Amino acid sequence: MAFKHKVNLLEIGDAETLDEKVTERLVSLGGKRASSWKTNLLIGLCKINSCKMFTRSIGSTKICYVVVGHKSDQDVTDYFFESIIAQIETLTSAAMAKRNGGRVGAKTFAANFKHGCVETVLYRMSCGQKKEEQALALSSSAMVLVGQRSEAVEFYVSKKMRIVRAGKGHSIAEDGRARELGRAAGHQVALNSGLAISPPLGQLA
């Protein structure tokens, strides 16, 4: 739905959308190390919303995400990022409450559960957007403008983003059961109905 809305704005020649320039937007993590599941989530959301994500150190104590893109695309990315994080945290807390084992392996379980959620969420959103793209590609000249906006982001990155690196986060110990539970829970994350399509779980393996 967000993608279709953007295409509609471009198609009708919305001045504010057409005049947008590529900029950088910082998202503070408030800590020293990026959570790998949040990093993966933001990388995926940026790809879906025609943005690019990098990490940048600020001083010796903080790391920020840098989202490069047009304002409307950054806004959509921000919205989904904050909404999905909050929902995954809630789902993780619920899963942890049902888990046996006390504190032993709790961090590993939580990390893998969150990664599993992210995998499902991004897959759902990617499937939804592809269906919208296929529906619009044959009928909308605005799809050309969407491609041009993506190219503008790539050009900006190639010229101005040499001092930062693509974010990857730190590695985590594996817990296959927790990740599968997270993948299943990812279908409970509420998303924009125009973007979210739940695939069979077997496709996420």
C-alpha atoms as a PDB file:
ATOM      1  CA  MET A   1       0.000   0.000   0.000  1.00  0.00           C
ATOM      2  CA  ALA A   2       2.844   2.421   0.825  1.00  0.00           C
ATOM      3  CA  PHE A   3       4.537   1.597  -2.471  1.00  0.00           C
ATOM      4  CA  LYS A   4       1.295   2.041  -4.411  1.00  0.00           C
ATOM      5  CA  HIS A   5       0.679   5.361  -2.645  1.00  0.00           C
ATOM      6  CA  LYS A   6       4.140   6.577  -3.633  1.00  0.00           C
ATOM      7  CA  VAL A   7       3.565   5.599  -7.245  1.00  0.00           C
ATOM      8  CA  ASN A   8       0.215   7.390  -7.236  1.00  0.00           C
ATOM      9  CA  LEU A   9       1.825  10.579  -5.924  1.00  0.00           C
ATOM     10  CA  LEU A  10       4.472  10.436  -8.640  1.00  0.00           C
ATOM     11  CA  GLU A  11       1.879   9.695 -11.288  1.00  0.00           C
ATOM     12  CA  ILE A  12      -0.258  12.732 -10.459  1.00  0.00           C
ATOM     13  CA  GLY A  13       2.834  14.916 -10.248  1.00  0.00           C
ATOM     14  CA  ASP A  14       2.704  15.707  -6.523  1.00  0.00           C
ATOM     15  CA  ALA A  15       5.111  18.640  -6.261  1.00  0.00           C
ATOM     16  CA  GLU A  16       6.424  17.840  -2.793  1.00  0.00           C
ATOM     17  CA  THR A  17       7.246  14.252  -3.719  1.00  0.00           C
ATOM     18  CA  LEU A  18       8.771  15.155  -7.084  1.00  0.00           C
ATOM     19  CA  ASP A  19      11.005  17.841  -5.522  1.00  0.00           C
ATOM     20  CA  GLU A  20      12.499  15.558  -2.876  1.00  0.00           C
ATOM     21  CA  LYS A  21      16.290  15.301  -2.823  1.00  0.00           C
ATOM     22  CA  VAL A  22      18.447  12.438  -1.606  1.00  0.00           C
ATOM     23  CA  THR A  23      19.541  13.053   1.982  1.00  0.00           C
ATOM     24  CA  GLU A  24      21.040  11.218   4.953  1.00  0.00           C
ATOM     25  CA  ARG A  25      19.009  10.523   8.082  1.00  0.00           C
ATOM     26  CA  LEU A  26      20.576   9.327  11.331  1.00  0.00           C
ATOM     27  CA  VAL A  27      18.863   6.823  13.610  1.00  0.00           C
ATOM     28  CA  SER A  28      20.575   6.603  16.985  1.00  0.00           C
ATOM     29  CA  LEU A  29      20.893   3.201  18.657  1.00  0.00           C
ATOM     30  CA  GLY A  30      21.794   4.720  22.016  1.00  0.00           C
ATOM     31  CA  GLY A  31      24.495   2.119  22.552  1.00  0.00           C
ATOM     32  CA  LYS A  32      27.912   0.946  21.503  1.00  0.00           C
ATOM     33  CA  ARG A  33      26.969  -2.054  19.397  1.00  0.00           C
ATOM     34  CA  ALA A  34      24.218  -2.518  16.833  1.00  0.00           C
ATOM     35  CA  SER A  35      21.732  -5.332  17.455  1.00  0.00           C
ATOM     36  CA  SER A  36      22.127  -7.615  14.460  1.00  0.00           C
ATOM     37  CA  TRP A  37      18.388  -8.295  14.148  1.00  0.00           C
ATOM     38  CA  LYS A  38      17.617  -4.569  14.050  1.00  0.00           C
ATOM     39  CA  THR A  39      20.382  -4.054  11.513  1.00  0.00           C
ATOM     40  CA  ASN A  40      18.992  -6.812   9.291  1.00  0.00           C
ATOM     41  CA  LEU A  41      15.492  -5.394   9.634  1.00  0.00           C
ATOM     42  CA  LEU A  42      16.559  -1.906   8.613  1.00  0.00           C
ATOM     43  CA  ILE A  43      18.655  -3.171   5.700  1.00  0.00           C
ATOM     44  CA  GLY A  44      15.615  -5.038   4.419  1.00  0.00           C
ATOM     45  CA  LEU A  45      13.237  -2.121   4.923  1.00  0.00           C
ATOM     46  CA  CYS A  46      15.632   0.209   3.129  1.00  0.00           C
ATOM     47  CA  LYS A  47      15.806  -2.156   0.167  1.00  0.00           C
ATOM     48  CA  ILE A  48      12.017  -2.350  -0.013  1.00  0.00           C
ATOM     49  CA  ASN A  49      11.679   1.451   0.238  1.00  0.00           C
ATOM     50  CA  SER A  50      14.394   2.484  -2.242  1.00  0.00           C
ATOM     51  CA  CYS A  51      16.861   3.540   0.466  1.00  0.00           C
ATOM     52  CA  LYS A  52      20.331   2.423   1.539  1.00  0.00           C
ATOM     53  CA  MET A  53      21.538   1.768   5.081  1.00  0.00           C
ATOM     54  CA  PHE A  54      24.984   2.234   6.599  1.00  0.00           C
ATOM     55  CA  THR A  55      26.377   2.483  10.109  1.00  0.00           C
ATOM     56  CA  ARG A  56      28.414   5.361  11.463  1.00  0.00           C
ATOM     57  CA  SER A  57      30.279   5.737  14.740  1.00  0.00           C
ATOM     58  CA  ILE A  58      29.719   8.923  16.717  1.00  0.00           C
ATOM     59  CA  GLY A  59      32.534   9.431  19.176  1.00  0.00           C
ATOM     60  CA  SER A  60      33.606   6.301  21.043  1.00  0.00           C
ATOM     61  CA  THR A  61      30.301   5.351  22.664  1.00  0.00           C
ATOM     62  CA  LYS A  62      27.525   5.431  20.058  1.00  0.00           C
ATOM     63  CA  ILE A  63      26.708   3.881  16.721  1.00  0.00           C
ATOM     64  CA  CYS A  64      24.046   5.315  14.443  1.00  0.00           C
ATOM     65  CA  TYR A  65      22.289   3.939  11.427  1.00  0.00           C
ATOM     66  CA  VAL A  66      22.463   6.164   8.363  1.00  0.00           C
ATOM     67  CA  VAL A  67      19.469   5.875   6.032  1.00  0.00           C
ATOM     68  CA  VAL A  68      20.116   7.390   2.602  1.00  0.00           C
ATOM     69  CA  GLY A  69      17.096   8.153   0.431  1.00  0.00           C
ATOM     70  CA  HIS A  70      14.273  10.540  -0.399  1.00  0.00           C
ATOM     71  CA  LYS A  71      12.260  11.978   2.493  1.00  0.00           C
ATOM     72  CA  SER A  72       9.004  10.137   1.805  1.00  0.00           C
ATOM     73  CA  ASP A  73      10.865   6.826   1.491  1.00  0.00           C
ATOM     74  CA  GLN A  74      12.794   7.528   4.696  1.00  0.00           C
ATOM     75  CA  ASP A  75       9.524   8.351   6.480  1.00  0.00           C
ATOM     76  CA  VAL A  76       7.966   5.029   5.475  1.00  0.00           C
ATOM     77  CA  THR A  77      11.135   3.175   6.489  1.00  0.00           C
ATOM     78  CA  ASP A  78      11.140   4.909   9.885  1.00  0.00           C
ATOM     79  CA  TYR A  79       7.478   4.111  10.473  1.00  0.00           C
ATOM     80  CA  PHE A  80       7.824   0.418   9.761  1.00  0.00           C
ATOM     81  CA  PHE A  81      11.140   0.169  11.623  1.00  0.00           C
ATOM     82  CA  GLU A  82       9.718   1.545  14.867  1.00  0.00           C
ATOM     83  CA  SER A  83       6.410  -0.319  14.569  1.00  0.00           C
ATOM     84  CA  ILE A  84       7.971  -3.682  13.772  1.00  0.00           C
ATOM     85  CA  ILE A  85      10.613  -3.398  16.500  1.00  0.00           C
ATOM     86  CA  ALA A  86       7.954  -2.719  19.132  1.00  0.00           C
ATOM     87  CA  GLN A  87       5.879  -5.686  17.984  1.00  0.00           C
ATOM     88  CA  ILE A  88       8.828  -8.065  17.844  1.00  0.00           C
ATOM     89  CA  GLU A  89       9.889  -7.063  21.351  1.00  0.00           C
ATOM     90  CA  THR A  90       6.366  -7.831  22.591  1.00  0.00           C
ATOM     91  CA  LEU A  91       6.293 -11.196  20.803  1.00  0.00           C
ATOM     92  CA  THR A  92       9.726 -12.058  22.206  1.00  0.00           C
ATOM     93  CA  SER A  93       8.643 -11.272  25.754  1.00  0.00           C
ATOM     94  CA  ALA A  94       5.634 -13.560  25.313  1.00  0.00           C
ATOM     95  CA  ALA A  95       7.794 -16.351  23.914  1.00  0.00           C
ATOM     96  CA  MET A  96      10.316 -15.964  26.718  1.00  0.00           C
ATOM     97  CA  ALA A  97       7.538 -16.268  29.305  1.00  0.00           C
ATOM     98  CA  LYS A  98       6.561 -19.656  27.841  1.00  0.00           C
ATOM     99  CA  ARG A  99      10.138 -20.880  27.545  1.00  0.00           C
ATOM    100  CA  ASN A 100      11.589 -23.389  30.011  1.00  0.00           C
ATOM    101  CA  GLY A 101      15.199 -23.171  31.104  1.00  0.00           C
ATOM    102  CA  GLY A 102      15.420 -20.010  33.161  1.00  0.00           C
ATOM    103  CA  ARG A 103      18.292 -17.713  32.327  1.00  0.00           C
ATOM    104  CA  VAL A 104      20.413 -20.412  30.689  1.00  0.00           C
ATOM    105  CA  GLY A 105      20.539 -19.622  26.973  1.00  0.00           C
ATOM    106  CA  ALA A 106      17.940 -16.870  27.344  1.00  0.00           C
ATOM    107  CA  LYS A 107      19.885 -14.284  25.342  1.00  0.00           C
ATOM    108  CA  THR A 108      20.592 -16.763  22.560  1.00  0.00           C
ATOM    109  CA  PHE A 109      16.924 -17.778  22.427  1.00  0.00           C
ATOM    110  CA  ALA A 110      15.751 -14.148  22.287  1.00  0.00           C
ATOM    111  CA  ALA A 111      18.246 -13.171  19.603  1.00  0.00           C
ATOM    112  CA  ASN A 112      17.354 -16.096  17.352  1.00  0.00           C
ATOM    113  CA  PHE A 113      13.629 -15.591  17.914  1.00  0.00           C
ATOM    114  CA  LYS A 114      13.946 -11.951  16.826  1.00  0.00           C
ATOM    115  CA  HIS A 115      15.954 -12.903  13.751  1.00  0.00           C
ATOM    116  CA  GLY A 116      13.286 -15.424  12.815  1.00  0.00           C
ATOM    117  CA  CYS A 117      10.591 -12.760  13.133  1.00  0.00           C
ATOM    118  CA  VAL A 118      12.578 -10.408  10.933  1.00  0.00           C
ATOM    119  CA  GLU A 119      13.001 -13.061   8.233  1.00  0.00           C
ATOM    120  CA  THR A 120       9.242 -13.617   8.023  1.00  0.00           C
ATOM    121  CA  VAL A 121       8.339  -9.925   8.173  1.00  0.00           C
ATOM    122  CA  LEU A 122      10.734  -8.957   5.379  1.00  0.00           C
ATOM    123  CA  TYR A 123       9.622 -11.890   3.255  1.00  0.00           C
ATOM    124  CA  ARG A 124       5.972 -10.884   3.658  1.00  0.00           C
ATOM    125  CA  MET A 125       6.691  -7.275   2.765  1.00  0.00           C
ATOM    126  CA  SER A 126       8.864  -8.202  -0.206  1.00  0.00           C
ATOM    127  CA  CYS A 127       6.176 -10.525  -1.601  1.00  0.00           C
ATOM    128  CA  GLY A 128       3.523  -7.851  -1.195  1.00  0.00           C
ATOM    129  CA  GLN A 129       5.587  -5.199  -2.930  1.00  0.00           C
ATOM    130  CA  LYS A 130       6.452  -7.477  -5.841  1.00  0.00           C
ATOM    131  CA  LYS A 131       2.754  -8.094  -6.439  1.00  0.00           C
ATOM    132  CA  GLU A 132       2.109  -4.343  -6.429  1.00  0.00           C
ATOM    133  CA  GLU A 133       5.009  -3.722  -8.787  1.00  0.00           C
ATOM    134  CA  GLN A 134       3.739  -6.346 -11.205  1.00  0.00           C
ATOM    135  CA  ALA A 135       0.253  -4.842 -11.123  1.00  0.00           C
ATOM    136  CA  LEU A 136       1.496  -1.306 -11.702  1.00  0.00           C
ATOM    137  CA  ALA A 137       4.389  -1.856 -14.100  1.00  0.00           C
ATOM    138  CA  LEU A 138       2.257  -2.250 -17.203  1.00  0.00           C
ATOM    139  CA  SER A 139      -0.048   0.663 -16.486  1.00  0.00           C
ATOM    140  CA  SER A 140       1.947   3.365 -14.728  1.00  0.00           C
ATOM    141  CA  SER A 141       4.513   5.721 -16.235  1.00  0.00           C
ATOM    142  CA  ALA A 142       5.393   6.653 -12.648  1.00  0.00           C
ATOM    143  CA  MET A 143       7.301   3.362 -12.378  1.00  0.00           C
ATOM    144  CA  VAL A 144       9.969   5.048 -14.501  1.00  0.00           C
ATOM    145  CA  LEU A 145      10.255   7.782 -11.868  1.00  0.00           C
ATOM    146  CA  VAL A 146      10.528   5.149  -9.142  1.00  0.00           C
ATOM    147  CA  GLY A 147      13.479   3.673 -11.001  1.00  0.00           C
ATOM    148  CA  GLN A 148      15.057   7.095 -11.395  1.00  0.00           C
ATOM    149  CA  ARG A 149      14.736   7.747  -7.657  1.00  0.00           C
ATOM    150  CA  SER A 150      16.505   4.484  -6.919  1.00  0.00           C
ATOM    151  CA  GLU A 151      19.266   5.428  -9.335  1.00  0.00           C
ATOM    152  CA  ALA A 152      19.618   8.813  -7.618  1.00  0.00           C
ATOM    153  CA  VAL A 153      20.160   7.067  -4.281  1.00  0.00           C
ATOM    154  CA  GLU A 154      22.788   4.779  -5.817  1.00  0.00           C
ATOM    155  CA  PHE A 155      24.575   7.794  -7.334  1.00  0.00           C
ATOM    156  CA  TYR A 156      24.534   9.661  -4.010  1.00  0.00           C
ATOM    157  CA  VAL A 157      25.975   6.653  -2.199  1.00  0.00           C
ATOM    158  CA  SER A 158      28.733   6.197  -4.786  1.00  0.00           C
ATOM    159  CA  LYS A 159      29.801   9.832  -4.458  1.00  0.00           C
ATOM    160  CA  LYS A 160      29.311  10.700  -0.796  1.00  0.00           C
ATOM    161  CA  MET A 161      29.193   7.569   1.348  1.00  0.00           C
ATOM    162  CA  ARG A 162      32.798   6.424   1.119  1.00  0.00           C
ATOM    163  CA  ILE A 163      33.621   6.822   4.806  1.00  0.00           C
ATOM    164  CA  VAL A 164      30.885   4.536   6.128  1.00  0.00           C
ATOM    165  CA  ARG A 165      30.257   0.822   5.718  1.00  0.00           C
ATOM    166  CA  ALA A 166      27.194  -1.303   5.239  1.00  0.00           C
ATOM    167  CA  GLY A 167      25.971  -2.394   8.658  1.00  0.00           C
ATOM    168  CA  LYS A 168      26.019  -6.079   9.604  1.00  0.00           C
ATOM    169  CA  GLY A 169      25.874  -6.228  13.391  1.00  0.00           C
ATOM    170  CA  HIS A 170      27.579  -8.892  15.522  1.00  0.00           C
ATOM    171  CA  SER A 171      27.230 -12.656  15.159  1.00  0.00           C
ATOM    172  CA  ILE A 172      25.066 -14.725  17.514  1.00  0.00           C
ATOM    173  CA  ALA A 173      25.032 -18.329  18.699  1.00  0.00           C
ATOM    174  CA  GLU A 174      22.541 -20.527  16.837  1.00  0.00           C
ATOM    175  CA  ASP A 175      19.270 -21.787  18.304  1.00  0.00           C
ATOM    176  CA  GLY A 176      17.313 -23.411  15.508  1.00  0.00           C
ATOM    177  CA  ARG A 177      14.178 -24.009  17.549  1.00  0.00           C
ATOM    178  CA  ALA A 178      14.007 -20.372  18.669  1.00  0.00           C
ATOM    179  CA  ARG A 179      14.469 -19.184  15.111  1.00  0.00           C
ATOM    180  CA  GLU A 180      11.626 -21.380  13.859  1.00  0.00           C
ATOM    181  CA  LEU A 181       9.377 -20.085  16.614  1.00  0.00           C
ATOM    182  CA  GLY A 182      10.319 -16.549  15.600  1.00  0.00           C
ATOM    183  CA  ARG A 183       9.552 -17.257  11.959  1.00  0.00           C
ATOM    184  CA  ALA A 184       6.109 -18.495  12.914  1.00  0.00           C
ATOM    185  CA  ALA A 185       5.541 -15.497  15.213  1.00  0.00           C
ATOM    186  CA  GLY A 186       6.504 -13.136  12.404  1.00  0.00           C
ATOM    187  CA  HIS A 187       3.102 -13.777  10.834  1.00  0.00           C
ATOM    188  CA  GLN A 188       1.553 -12.054  13.853  1.00  0.00           C
ATOM    189  CA  VAL A 189       3.342  -8.764  13.175  1.00  0.00           C
ATOM    190  CA  ALA A 190       0.768  -6.271  11.914  1.00  0.00           C
ATOM    191  CA  LEU A 191       1.831  -4.700   8.635  1.00  0.00           C
ATOM    192  CA  ASN A 192       0.269  -2.470   6.027  1.00  0.00           C
ATOM    193  CA  SER A 193      -2.146  -4.849   4.287  1.00  0.00           C
ATOM    194  CA  GLY A 194      -1.002  -3.715   0.850  1.00  0.00           C
ATOM    195  CA  LEU A 195       2.545  -4.846   1.587  1.00  0.00           C
ATOM    196  CA  ALA A 196       2.054  -7.839   3.843  1.00  0.00           C
ATOM    197  CA  ILE A 197       1.378 -11.268   2.420  1.00  0.00           C
ATOM    198  CA  SER A 198       2.013 -14.344   4.571  1.00  0.00           C
ATOM    199  CA  PRO A 199       3.841 -17.102   2.654  1.00  0.00           C
ATOM    200  CA  PRO A 200       3.833 -20.772   3.632  1.00  0.00           C
ATOM    201  CA  LEU A 201       6.361 -21.369   6.405  1.00  0.00           C
ATOM    202  CA  GLY A 202       8.212 -23.888   4.275  1.00  0.00           C
ATOM    203  CA  GLN A 203       9.273 -21.106   1.929  1.00  0.00           C
ATOM    204  CA  LEU A 204      11.201 -19.420   4.730  1.00  0.00           C
ATOM    205  CA  ALA A 205      13.414 -22.383   5.548  1.00  0.00           C
END
